[in-house]
Every structure is written in C-alpha cells, then in structure tokens.
Amino acid sequence: MKNFDRSQRVADAIKRIVAEALQGEIKDFDMTRITVTQCVVTRDLSEATIGYSVLGSDEDRKESATRLSKVAGFLQRRIGDELRLRQTPRLHFKYDESVIESARLDELFHQIDKERKDDE
C-alpha cells in the first residue's frame, strides 16, 4: 500500500504543477481554457497521464492537444525541478470526456424534469 500512497502524492503534485503552469507560465497560447482534471501515475513513477478538459469548440480542443504536446518537455522539466525525483515521469495528455458527458446528462435531467412538469 505504501507505493500507492507515494504514487498518489506524486500524481497530486504533478496535477498541481501542470495546472499552475498552464494558468500563468505559458504565454504563447491561451492555455487558461484548459482545465487539468486528473493525473494518474504508474506505480514505478515512470509515466503520468494527465486528464484535461477545454472550454470551447472542437477546434479549440484540437488546438489545445497540439499545444499540450508542444509544451510537454517544458512541463516535464518543471515537474523535475520541483519534485526532484530520481526519474521524472514521461507525460501523456488525454482529453477527459467526463466533463462533456456530465453536461450532457445534466441537460437530459433538466429535459426530463421539464417534461414531467408539462405533463402535470
């Protein structure tokens, strides 16, 4: 269990570092539309998958994916400097569909509620 605790602490720290960097340190593209939703680190801390969502259109989502891959080296270096791990995890970014699904479900529930009220 101790390994899980350490990997979870590292994942939480990576999530915080990446979120902070995207909100203020990267100036070449408006990264403030990107929200870091989660981070999962392998047990051996060699890889980190960072989940993110994007406010905007599908085009914004594609552009954000491209930009994230371009700044991955900078983010990895920033993580290495701050966490001082023996090996800095290699970063992977994955678009988090749960935000869209949550909004879709919320809309469906509102629609059902409205239909119920109309039937009464």
C-alpha atoms as a PDB file:
ATOM      1  CA  MET A   1       0.000   0.000   0.000  1.00  0.00           C
ATOM      2  CA  LYS A   2       2.884   2.369   0.611  1.00  0.00           C
ATOM      3  CA  ASN A   3       3.722   2.551  -3.123  1.00  0.00           C
ATOM      4  CA  PHE A   4       0.176   3.601  -3.900  1.00  0.00           C
ATOM      5  CA  ASP A   5       0.355   6.388  -1.333  1.00  0.00           C
ATOM      6  CA  ARG A   6       3.563   7.702  -2.848  1.00  0.00           C
ATOM      7  CA  SER A   7       2.313   7.465  -6.425  1.00  0.00           C
ATOM      8  CA  GLN A   8      -0.898   9.250  -5.431  1.00  0.00           C
ATOM      9  CA  ARG A   9       1.066  12.046  -3.753  1.00  0.00           C
ATOM     10  CA  VAL A  10       3.248  12.393  -6.850  1.00  0.00           C
ATOM     11  CA  ALA A  11       0.158  12.408  -9.095  1.00  0.00           C
ATOM     12  CA  ASP A  12      -1.456  15.138  -6.982  1.00  0.00           C
ATOM     13  CA  ALA A  13       1.732  17.204  -7.106  1.00  0.00           C
ATOM     14  CA  ILE A  14       2.033  16.802 -10.879  1.00  0.00           C
ATOM     15  CA  LYS A  15      -1.584  17.831 -11.338  1.00  0.00           C
ATOM     16  CA  ARG A  16      -0.988  20.975  -9.280  1.00  0.00           C
ATOM     17  CA  ILE A  17       2.261  21.881 -11.058  1.00  0.00           C
ATOM     18  CA  VAL A  18       0.792  21.419 -14.536  1.00  0.00           C
ATOM     19  CA  ALA A  19      -2.370  23.371 -13.673  1.00  0.00           C
ATOM     20  CA  GLU A  20      -0.334  26.269 -12.276  1.00  0.00           C
ATOM     21  CA  ALA A  21       1.959  26.327 -15.299  1.00  0.00           C
ATOM     22  CA  LEU A  22      -0.943  26.312 -17.759  1.00  0.00           C
ATOM     23  CA  GLN A  23      -2.648  29.156 -15.936  1.00  0.00           C
ATOM     24  CA  GLY A  24       0.282  31.513 -15.819  1.00  0.00           C
ATOM     25  CA  GLU A  25       3.664  30.495 -17.139  1.00  0.00           C
ATOM     26  CA  ILE A  26       2.977  29.590 -20.764  1.00  0.00           C
ATOM     27  CA  LYS A  27       2.439  32.761 -22.763  1.00  0.00           C
ATOM     28  CA  ASP A  28       2.478  31.673 -26.426  1.00  0.00           C
ATOM     29  CA  PHE A  29      -1.098  30.331 -26.414  1.00  0.00           C
ATOM     30  CA  ASP A  30      -4.139  30.930 -24.229  1.00  0.00           C
ATOM     31  CA  MET A  31      -3.822  27.880 -22.002  1.00  0.00           C
ATOM     32  CA  THR A  32      -6.290  29.293 -19.466  1.00  0.00           C
ATOM     33  CA  ARG A  33      -9.117  27.491 -21.303  1.00  0.00           C
ATOM     34  CA  ILE A  34      -7.535  24.177 -20.331  1.00  0.00           C
ATOM     35  CA  THR A  35      -8.502  22.623 -17.014  1.00  0.00           C
ATOM     36  CA  VAL A  36      -6.456  19.782 -15.555  1.00  0.00           C
ATOM     37  CA  THR A  37      -8.995  17.256 -14.278  1.00  0.00           C
ATOM     38  CA  GLN A  38      -6.824  14.391 -13.094  1.00  0.00           C
ATOM     39  CA  CYS A  39      -3.407  12.794 -13.085  1.00  0.00           C
ATOM     40  CA  VAL A  40      -2.649   9.090 -12.933  1.00  0.00           C
ATOM     41  CA  VAL A  41       0.922   7.918 -12.369  1.00  0.00           C
ATOM     42  CA  THR A  42       2.226   4.403 -12.946  1.00  0.00           C
ATOM     43  CA  ARG A  43       3.393   2.511  -9.851  1.00  0.00           C
ATOM     44  CA  ASP A  44       7.026   2.900 -10.873  1.00  0.00           C
ATOM     45  CA  LEU A  45       6.501   6.666 -11.441  1.00  0.00           C
ATOM     46  CA  SER A  46       7.854   6.409 -14.989  1.00  0.00           C
ATOM     47  CA  GLU A  47       4.750   7.765 -16.724  1.00  0.00           C
ATOM     48  CA  ALA A  48       1.973  10.198 -15.896  1.00  0.00           C
ATOM     49  CA  THR A  49      -1.299  10.540 -17.778  1.00  0.00           C
ATOM     50  CA  ILE A  50      -2.840  13.951 -17.322  1.00  0.00           C
ATOM     51  CA  GLY A  51      -6.538  14.330 -17.991  1.00  0.00           C
ATOM     52  CA  TYR A  52      -7.747  17.718 -19.180  1.00  0.00           C
ATOM     53  CA  SER A  53     -10.834  19.469 -20.488  1.00  0.00           C
ATOM     54  CA  VAL A  54     -11.138  22.525 -22.721  1.00  0.00           C
ATOM     55  CA  LEU A  55     -13.670  25.320 -22.788  1.00  0.00           C
ATOM     56  CA  GLY A  56     -14.581  25.991 -26.380  1.00  0.00           C
ATOM     57  CA  SER A  57     -15.214  24.282 -29.684  1.00  0.00           C
ATOM     58  CA  ASP A  58     -13.827  21.081 -31.155  1.00  0.00           C
ATOM     59  CA  GLU A  59     -11.268  23.232 -32.963  1.00  0.00           C
ATOM     60  CA  ASP A  60     -10.147  24.659 -29.591  1.00  0.00           C
ATOM     61  CA  ARG A  61      -9.860  21.103 -28.285  1.00  0.00           C
ATOM     62  CA  LYS A  62      -7.664  20.031 -31.208  1.00  0.00           C
ATOM     63  CA  GLU A  63      -5.503  23.144 -30.898  1.00  0.00           C
ATOM     64  CA  SER A  64      -5.104  22.550 -27.163  1.00  0.00           C
ATOM     65  CA  ALA A  65      -3.996  18.945 -27.740  1.00  0.00           C
ATOM     66  CA  THR A  66      -1.359  20.175 -30.176  1.00  0.00           C
ATOM     67  CA  ARG A  67      -0.153  22.867 -27.788  1.00  0.00           C
ATOM     68  CA  LEU A  68      -0.003  20.484 -24.833  1.00  0.00           C
ATOM     69  CA  SER A  69       2.196  18.088 -26.784  1.00  0.00           C
ATOM     70  CA  LYS A  70       4.493  21.010 -27.673  1.00  0.00           C
ATOM     71  CA  VAL A  71       4.897  22.172 -24.062  1.00  0.00           C
ATOM     72  CA  ALA A  72       5.231  18.670 -22.590  1.00  0.00           C
ATOM     73  CA  GLY A  73       9.019  18.995 -22.350  1.00  0.00           C
ATOM     74  CA  PHE A  74       8.756  22.307 -20.515  1.00  0.00           C
ATOM     75  CA  LEU A  75       6.178  20.842 -18.115  1.00  0.00           C
ATOM     76  CA  GLN A  76       8.256  17.729 -17.537  1.00  0.00           C
ATOM     77  CA  ARG A  77      11.319  19.852 -16.753  1.00  0.00           C
ATOM     78  CA  ARG A  78       9.235  21.998 -14.372  1.00  0.00           C
ATOM     79  CA  ILE A  79       7.979  18.863 -12.595  1.00  0.00           C
ATOM     80  CA  GLY A  80      11.540  17.519 -12.343  1.00  0.00           C
ATOM     81  CA  ASP A  81      12.819  20.787 -10.878  1.00  0.00           C
ATOM     82  CA  GLU A  82      10.087  20.965  -8.272  1.00  0.00           C
ATOM     83  CA  LEU A  83       9.678  17.323  -7.240  1.00  0.00           C
ATOM     84  CA  ARG A  84      13.325  16.224  -7.516  1.00  0.00           C
ATOM     85  CA  LEU A  85      12.502  12.619  -8.360  1.00  0.00           C
ATOM     86  CA  ARG A  86      15.154  10.185  -9.495  1.00  0.00           C
ATOM     87  CA  GLN A  87      13.326   9.933 -12.816  1.00  0.00           C
ATOM     88  CA  THR A  88      10.753  12.486 -13.957  1.00  0.00           C
ATOM     89  CA  PRO A  89       7.627  10.759 -15.285  1.00  0.00           C
ATOM     90  CA  ARG A  90       7.071  10.970 -19.037  1.00  0.00           C
ATOM     91  CA  LEU A  91       3.902  12.993 -19.615  1.00  0.00           C
ATOM     92  CA  HIS A  92       0.911  11.906 -21.662  1.00  0.00           C
ATOM     93  CA  PHE A  93      -2.191  14.030 -22.132  1.00  0.00           C
ATOM     94  CA  LYS A  94      -5.677  12.608 -22.506  1.00  0.00           C
ATOM     95  CA  TYR A  95      -8.815  14.608 -23.178  1.00  0.00           C
ATOM     96  CA  ASP A  96     -11.283  13.986 -20.350  1.00  0.00           C
ATOM     97  CA  GLU A  97     -14.692  13.206 -21.847  1.00  0.00           C
ATOM     98  CA  SER A  98     -16.352  13.130 -18.415  1.00  0.00           C
ATOM     99  CA  VAL A  99     -16.931  16.900 -18.431  1.00  0.00           C
ATOM    100  CA  ILE A 100     -18.885  16.686 -21.695  1.00  0.00           C
ATOM    101  CA  GLU A 101     -20.760  13.608 -20.513  1.00  0.00           C
ATOM    102  CA  SER A 102     -21.648  15.320 -17.254  1.00  0.00           C
ATOM    103  CA  ALA A 103     -23.033  18.337 -19.099  1.00  0.00           C
ATOM    104  CA  ARG A 104     -24.990  16.065 -21.446  1.00  0.00           C
ATOM    105  CA  LEU A 105     -26.505  14.137 -18.536  1.00  0.00           C
ATOM    106  CA  ASP A 106     -27.354  17.367 -16.758  1.00  0.00           C
ATOM    107  CA  GLU A 107     -29.192  18.590 -19.862  1.00  0.00           C
ATOM    108  CA  LEU A 108     -31.096  15.293 -20.118  1.00  0.00           C
ATOM    109  CA  PHE A 109     -32.167  15.506 -16.480  1.00  0.00           C
ATOM    110  CA  HIS A 110     -33.377  19.069 -16.997  1.00  0.00           C
ATOM    111  CA  GLN A 111     -35.300  17.976 -20.073  1.00  0.00           C
ATOM    112  CA  ILE A 112     -36.943  15.091 -18.183  1.00  0.00           C
ATOM    113  CA  ASP A 113     -37.831  17.402 -15.311  1.00  0.00           C
ATOM    114  CA  LYS A 114     -39.381  19.910 -17.717  1.00  0.00           C
ATOM    115  CA  GLU A 115     -41.421  17.189 -19.460  1.00  0.00           C
ATOM    116  CA  ARG A 116     -42.720  15.971 -16.097  1.00  0.00           C
ATOM    117  CA  LYS A 117     -43.807  19.468 -15.140  1.00  0.00           C
ATOM    118  CA  ASP A 118     -45.502  19.921 -18.524  1.00  0.00           C
ATOM    119  CA  ASP A 119     -47.429  16.650 -18.046  1.00  0.00           C
ATOM    120  CA  GLU A 120     -48.775  17.747 -14.654  1.00  0.00           C
END
